[in-house]
C-alpha atoms as a PDB file:
ATOM      1  CA  UNK A   1     135.116 189.956  21.258  1.00  0.00           C
ATOM      2  CA  UNK A   2     132.785 187.408  22.303  1.00  0.00           C
ATOM      3  CA  UNK A   3     130.086 185.805  20.841  1.00  0.00           C
ATOM      4  CA  UNK A   4     128.368 187.381  17.125  1.00  0.00           C
ATOM      5  CA  UNK A   5     130.460 189.533  15.721  1.00  0.00           C
ATOM      6  CA  UNK A   6     129.225 191.526  12.569  1.00  0.00           C
ATOM      7  CA  UNK A   7     130.924 190.875   8.909  1.00  0.00           C
ATOM      8  CA  UNK A   8     131.391 194.533   8.554  1.00  0.00           C
ATOM      9  CA  UNK A   9     133.540 194.688  11.956  1.00  0.00           C
ATOM     10  CA  UNK A  10     135.525 191.739  10.186  1.00  0.00           C
ATOM     11  CA  UNK A  11     135.969 193.208   7.222  1.00  0.00           C
ATOM     12  CA  UNK A  12     136.702 197.070   8.556  1.00  0.00           C
ATOM     13  CA  UNK A  13     140.019 195.531   9.889  1.00  0.00           C
ATOM     14  CA  UNK A  14     141.568 195.751   5.905  1.00  0.00           C
ATOM     15  CA  UNK A  15     139.325 197.756   4.561  1.00  0.00           C
ATOM     16  CA  UNK A  16     139.119 195.624   1.692  1.00  0.00           C
ATOM     17  CA  UNK A  17     136.282 195.581  -0.512  1.00  0.00           C
ATOM     18  CA  UNK A  18     134.322 198.129   1.998  1.00  0.00           C
ATOM     19  CA  UNK A  19     133.366 201.649   1.758  1.00  0.00           C
ATOM     20  CA  UNK A  20     131.870 204.812   3.792  1.00  0.00           C
ATOM     21  CA  UNK A  21     129.746 207.109   2.493  1.00  0.00           C
ATOM     22  CA  UNK A  22     127.864 210.195   3.564  1.00  0.00           C
ATOM     23  CA  UNK A  23     125.440 212.826   2.765  1.00  0.00           C
ATOM     24  CA  UNK A  24     126.525 215.697   4.789  1.00  0.00           C
ATOM     25  CA  UNK A  25     128.122 216.079   7.901  1.00  0.00           C
ATOM     26  CA  UNK A  26     125.272 217.854   9.299  1.00  0.00           C
ATOM     27  CA  UNK A  27     124.353 216.830  12.866  1.00  0.00           C
ATOM     28  CA  UNK A  28     121.863 217.389  15.543  1.00  0.00           C
ATOM     29  CA  UNK A  29     124.530 216.521  18.237  1.00  0.00           C
ATOM     30  CA  UNK A  30     127.483 217.847  19.354  1.00  0.00           C
ATOM     31  CA  UNK A  31     128.884 214.834  20.727  1.00  0.00           C
ATOM     32  CA  UNK A  32     132.535 215.555  22.619  1.00  0.00           C
ATOM     33  CA  UNK A  33     133.872 212.107  20.932  1.00  0.00           C
ATOM     34  CA  UNK A  34     132.741 212.831  17.106  1.00  0.00           C
ATOM     35  CA  UNK A  35     135.440 212.882  14.982  1.00  0.00           C
ATOM     36  CA  UNK A  36     133.730 214.640  12.195  1.00  0.00           C
ATOM     37  CA  UNK A  37     135.086 218.165  13.252  1.00  0.00           C
ATOM     38  CA  UNK A  38     139.022 216.932  12.257  1.00  0.00           C
ATOM     39  CA  UNK A  39     137.457 215.831   8.598  1.00  0.00           C
ATOM     40  CA  UNK A  40     138.619 217.519   5.695  1.00  0.00           C
ATOM     41  CA  UNK A  41     136.561 220.590   4.658  1.00  0.00           C
ATOM     42  CA  UNK A  42     134.420 219.915   7.581  1.00  0.00           C
ATOM     43  CA  UNK A  43     132.304 223.164   7.760  1.00  0.00           C
ATOM     44  CA  UNK A  44     131.603 222.960   3.965  1.00  0.00           C
ATOM     45  CA  UNK A  45     129.794 219.591   4.486  1.00  0.00           C
ATOM     46  CA  UNK A  46     128.226 220.585   7.810  1.00  0.00           C
ATOM     47  CA  UNK A  47     126.009 222.970   5.018  1.00  0.00           C
ATOM     48  CA  UNK A  48     126.062 221.110   1.616  1.00  0.00           C
ATOM     49  CA  UNK A  49     124.470 217.829   0.693  1.00  0.00           C
ATOM     50  CA  UNK A  50     126.836 215.002  -1.543  1.00  0.00           C
ATOM     51  CA  UNK A  51     124.951 212.740  -4.142  1.00  0.00           C
ATOM     52  CA  UNK A  52     126.331 209.758  -2.613  1.00  0.00           C
ATOM     53  CA  UNK A  53     124.004 207.649  -4.776  1.00  0.00           C
ATOM     54  CA  UNK A  54     125.868 208.961  -8.044  1.00  0.00           C
ATOM     55  CA  UNK A  55     129.165 208.464  -5.979  1.00  0.00           C
ATOM     56  CA  UNK A  56     128.243 204.494  -6.010  1.00  0.00           C
ATOM     57  CA  UNK A  57     127.074 204.397  -9.314  1.00  0.00           C
ATOM     58  CA  UNK A  58     130.482 206.055 -10.234  1.00  0.00           C
ATOM     59  CA  UNK A  59     131.803 203.274  -8.256  1.00  0.00           C
ATOM     60  CA  UNK A  60     130.439 200.493 -10.125  1.00  0.00           C
ATOM     61  CA  UNK A  61     130.946 202.082 -13.790  1.00  0.00           C
ATOM     62  CA  UNK A  62     134.567 202.121 -12.299  1.00  0.00           C
ATOM     63  CA  UNK A  63     133.976 198.520 -11.527  1.00  0.00           C
ATOM     64  CA  UNK A  64     135.154 198.963  -7.703  1.00  0.00           C
ATOM     65  CA  UNK A  65     134.366 195.550  -5.817  1.00  0.00           C
ATOM     66  CA  UNK A  66     132.037 196.480  -2.763  1.00  0.00           C
ATOM     67  CA  UNK A  67     131.030 193.882  -0.013  1.00  0.00           C
ATOM     68  CA  UNK A  68     130.337 196.268   2.458  1.00  0.00           C
ATOM     69  CA  UNK A  69     128.627 199.638   2.142  1.00  0.00           C
ATOM     70  CA  UNK A  70     128.192 201.927   4.879  1.00  0.00           C
ATOM     71  CA  UNK A  71     126.288 205.073   5.008  1.00  0.00           C
ATOM     72  CA  UNK A  72     127.426 207.565   7.622  1.00  0.00           C
ATOM     73  CA  UNK A  73     127.295 211.364   8.669  1.00  0.00           C
ATOM     74  CA  UNK A  74     126.859 213.704  10.447  1.00  0.00           C
ATOM     75  CA  UNK A  75     123.138 212.331  11.000  1.00  0.00           C
ATOM     76  CA  UNK A  76     121.949 210.374   7.646  1.00  0.00           C
ATOM     77  CA  UNK A  77     118.396 210.359   8.832  1.00  0.00           C
ATOM     78  CA  UNK A  78     117.981 213.871   8.941  1.00  0.00           C
ATOM     79  CA  UNK A  79     118.147 213.557   4.700  1.00  0.00           C
ATOM     80  CA  UNK A  80     115.111 210.626   4.802  1.00  0.00           C
ATOM     81  CA  UNK A  81     114.953 210.120   0.728  1.00  0.00           C
ATOM     82  CA  UNK A  82     118.381 210.564   0.429  1.00  0.00           C
ATOM     83  CA  UNK A  83     119.546 207.861   2.526  1.00  0.00           C
ATOM     84  CA  UNK A  84     116.475 205.382   1.484  1.00  0.00           C
ATOM     85  CA  UNK A  85     117.418 205.934  -2.230  1.00  0.00           C
ATOM     86  CA  UNK A  86     120.944 205.514  -1.236  1.00  0.00           C
ATOM     87  CA  UNK A  87     120.121 202.001   0.388  1.00  0.00           C
ATOM     88  CA  UNK A  88     118.110 201.198  -2.647  1.00  0.00           C
ATOM     89  CA  UNK A  89     120.764 202.073  -5.138  1.00  0.00           C
ATOM     90  CA  UNK A  90     123.377 199.990  -3.348  1.00  0.00           C
ATOM     91  CA  UNK A  91     121.468 197.159  -3.389  1.00  0.00           C
ATOM     92  CA  UNK A  92     120.439 197.205  -6.894  1.00  0.00           C
ATOM     93  CA  UNK A  93     124.210 197.940  -7.541  1.00  0.00           C
ATOM     94  CA  UNK A  94     126.018 195.280  -5.103  1.00  0.00           C
ATOM     95  CA  UNK A  95     122.999 193.044  -4.764  1.00  0.00           C
ATOM     96  CA  UNK A  96     125.255 190.595  -2.507  1.00  0.00           C
ATOM     97  CA  UNK A  97     126.552 193.708  -0.627  1.00  0.00           C
ATOM     98  CA  UNK A  98     126.290 193.947   3.488  1.00  0.00           C
ATOM     99  CA  UNK A  99     124.559 197.788   3.909  1.00  0.00           C
ATOM    100  CA  UNK A 100     124.580 199.157   7.270  1.00  0.00           C
ATOM    101  CA  UNK A 101     123.908 202.781   8.411  1.00  0.00           C
ATOM    102  CA  UNK A 102     125.466 204.548  11.399  1.00  0.00           C
ATOM    103  CA  UNK A 103     122.927 206.953  13.279  1.00  0.00           C
ATOM    104  CA  UNK A 104     122.214 208.342  16.494  1.00  0.00           C
ATOM    105  CA  UNK A 105     118.501 208.135  16.072  1.00  0.00           C
ATOM    106  CA  UNK A 106     117.509 211.336  15.462  1.00  0.00           C
ATOM    107  CA  UNK A 107     115.302 211.715  12.553  1.00  0.00           C
ATOM    108  CA  UNK A 108     114.584 208.110  12.398  1.00  0.00           C
ATOM    109  CA  UNK A 109     111.346 206.710  13.292  1.00  0.00           C
ATOM    110  CA  UNK A 110     109.149 203.518  12.449  1.00  0.00           C
ATOM    111  CA  UNK A 111     107.931 204.423   9.119  1.00  0.00           C
ATOM    112  CA  UNK A 112     111.913 205.314   7.872  1.00  0.00           C
ATOM    113  CA  UNK A 113     112.523 201.932   9.603  1.00  0.00           C
ATOM    114  CA  UNK A 114     110.212 200.625   7.194  1.00  0.00           C
ATOM    115  CA  UNK A 115     111.528 202.006   4.243  1.00  0.00           C
ATOM    116  CA  UNK A 116     115.070 201.172   4.665  1.00  0.00           C
ATOM    117  CA  UNK A 117     114.375 197.687   5.666  1.00  0.00           C
ATOM    118  CA  UNK A 118     112.009 197.703   2.339  1.00  0.00           C
ATOM    119  CA  UNK A 119     115.028 199.240   0.351  1.00  0.00           C
ATOM    120  CA  UNK A 120     117.361 196.342   1.698  1.00  0.00           C
ATOM    121  CA  UNK A 121     119.074 197.670   4.625  1.00  0.00           C
ATOM    122  CA  UNK A 122     121.402 194.621   6.454  1.00  0.00           C
ATOM    123  CA  UNK A 123     122.229 196.357   9.393  1.00  0.00           C
ATOM    124  CA  UNK A 124     121.851 199.443  11.747  1.00  0.00           C
ATOM    125  CA  UNK A 125     124.376 200.886  14.239  1.00  0.00           C
ATOM    126  CA  UNK A 126     123.331 203.046  17.057  1.00  0.00           C
ATOM    127  CA  UNK A 127     125.130 205.490  18.847  1.00  0.00           C
ATOM    128  CA  UNK A 128     123.853 205.976  22.594  1.00  0.00           C
ATOM    129  CA  UNK A 129     125.550 207.813  25.214  1.00  0.00           C
ATOM    130  CA  UNK A 130     125.111 207.018  29.545  1.00  0.00           C
ATOM    131  CA  UNK A 131     124.537 210.864  29.820  1.00  0.00           C
ATOM    132  CA  UNK A 132     121.696 211.257  27.435  1.00  0.00           C
ATOM    133  CA  UNK A 133     118.774 212.175  29.154  1.00  0.00           C
ATOM    134  CA  UNK A 134     116.753 209.784  30.913  1.00  0.00           C
ATOM    135  CA  UNK A 135     113.750 210.484  28.237  1.00  0.00           C
ATOM    136  CA  UNK A 136     115.946 211.005  25.440  1.00  0.00           C
ATOM    137  CA  UNK A 137     117.370 207.353  26.121  1.00  0.00           C
ATOM    138  CA  UNK A 138     114.327 205.752  26.771  1.00  0.00           C
ATOM    139  CA  UNK A 139     113.313 206.909  23.338  1.00  0.00           C
ATOM    140  CA  UNK A 140     116.187 205.857  21.646  1.00  0.00           C
ATOM    141  CA  UNK A 141     115.661 202.109  23.534  1.00  0.00           C
ATOM    142  CA  UNK A 142     112.391 202.067  22.035  1.00  0.00           C
ATOM    143  CA  UNK A 143     113.610 203.085  18.415  1.00  0.00           C
ATOM    144  CA  UNK A 144     116.395 200.270  18.925  1.00  0.00           C
ATOM    145  CA  UNK A 145     113.729 197.544  19.604  1.00  0.00           C
ATOM    146  CA  UNK A 146     111.390 198.425  16.555  1.00  0.00           C
ATOM    147  CA  UNK A 147     114.855 198.140  14.382  1.00  0.00           C
ATOM    148  CA  UNK A 148     115.379 194.809  15.561  1.00  0.00           C
ATOM    149  CA  UNK A 149     112.008 193.804  14.690  1.00  0.00           C
ATOM    150  CA  UNK A 150     112.416 195.579  11.107  1.00  0.00           C
ATOM    151  CA  UNK A 151     116.391 194.932  10.261  1.00  0.00           C
ATOM    152  CA  UNK A 152     118.120 192.198  10.335  1.00  0.00           C
ATOM    153  CA  UNK A 153     121.019 193.368  12.450  1.00  0.00           C
ATOM    154  CA  UNK A 154     121.192 196.089  15.002  1.00  0.00           C
ATOM    155  CA  UNK A 155     124.101 196.537  17.030  1.00  0.00           C
ATOM    156  CA  UNK A 156     125.094 199.750  19.254  1.00  0.00           C
ATOM    157  CA  UNK A 157     128.226 201.512  19.544  1.00  0.00           C
ATOM    158  CA  UNK A 158     128.887 203.388  23.015  1.00  0.00           C
ATOM    159  CA  UNK A 159     131.846 204.735  24.381  1.00  0.00           C
ATOM    160  CA  UNK A 160     133.155 203.583  27.898  1.00  0.00           C
ATOM    161  CA  UNK A 161     132.954 206.383  30.442  1.00  0.00           C
ATOM    162  CA  UNK A 162     135.114 205.494  33.381  1.00  0.00           C
ATOM    163  CA  UNK A 163     132.746 205.400  36.834  1.00  0.00           C
ATOM    164  CA  UNK A 164     129.851 203.959  35.148  1.00  0.00           C
ATOM    165  CA  UNK A 165     130.294 200.221  35.710  1.00  0.00           C
ATOM    166  CA  UNK A 166     126.737 199.709  37.418  1.00  0.00           C
ATOM    167  CA  UNK A 167     124.753 202.312  34.981  1.00  0.00           C
ATOM    168  CA  UNK A 168     126.594 200.636  31.900  1.00  0.00           C
ATOM    169  CA  UNK A 169     125.488 196.972  32.877  1.00  0.00           C
ATOM    170  CA  UNK A 170     122.086 197.863  33.195  1.00  0.00           C
ATOM    171  CA  UNK A 171     121.713 199.492  29.630  1.00  0.00           C
ATOM    172  CA  UNK A 172     123.620 196.620  28.291  1.00  0.00           C
ATOM    173  CA  UNK A 173     121.401 194.232  29.823  1.00  0.00           C
ATOM    174  CA  UNK A 174     118.565 196.389  28.474  1.00  0.00           C
ATOM    175  CA  UNK A 175     119.948 196.061  25.172  1.00  0.00           C
ATOM    176  CA  UNK A 176     120.154 192.535  25.409  1.00  0.00           C
ATOM    177  CA  UNK A 177     116.542 192.129  25.840  1.00  0.00           C
ATOM    178  CA  UNK A 178     115.694 194.579  22.955  1.00  0.00           C
ATOM    179  CA  UNK A 179     117.281 191.823  20.577  1.00  0.00           C
ATOM    180  CA  UNK A 180     120.781 194.150  20.007  1.00  0.00           C
ATOM    181  CA  UNK A 181     122.964 191.507  18.054  1.00  0.00           C
ATOM    182  CA  UNK A 182     126.657 193.549  19.084  1.00  0.00           C
ATOM    183  CA  UNK A 183     127.906 196.052  21.140  1.00  0.00           C
ATOM    184  CA  UNK A 184     130.764 197.933  20.151  1.00  0.00           C
ATOM    185  CA  UNK A 185     132.538 199.750  23.249  1.00  0.00           C
ATOM    186  CA  UNK A 186     134.595 202.577  22.652  1.00  0.00           C
ATOM    187  CA  UNK A 187     137.300 203.748  24.262  1.00  0.00           C
END
């Protein structure tokens, strides 16, 4: 690493006092590197929704200590009301925790970003791929810039693709210009 690192990345090393939740494994993408098809009951959770706010309330009743709370998917932004409700619940039950969202950006817009910021979201991590069509990547970059104005910490997670050094460098410079605080490069 070089420079700033998300406190959640540090906590992830041990997983202590950290928990990740998902509403559904439904997703609008079909990324070749996605690990979700390997999840237990993947097909079931692609079509069913979990009440993760209830799961979080149950963890609180069981006195589970949490300093880092994440929501991932599938694509959590496909369920905007459940997503915002979960972030608000997490902020209420664990007021000092760091709450982060993993998203491809599908289903996320300026209004939802505002609702998430108001609910107490600390960090959003966008998944971006070099092979995305230019218009898709352009829209996502604009959304990342908007997120950087509203959410305290914005990060990007992206796979490293052999032979794309020049394109990757251009994208990294652009992300820096947008105010992205951290980038996780995935092998």
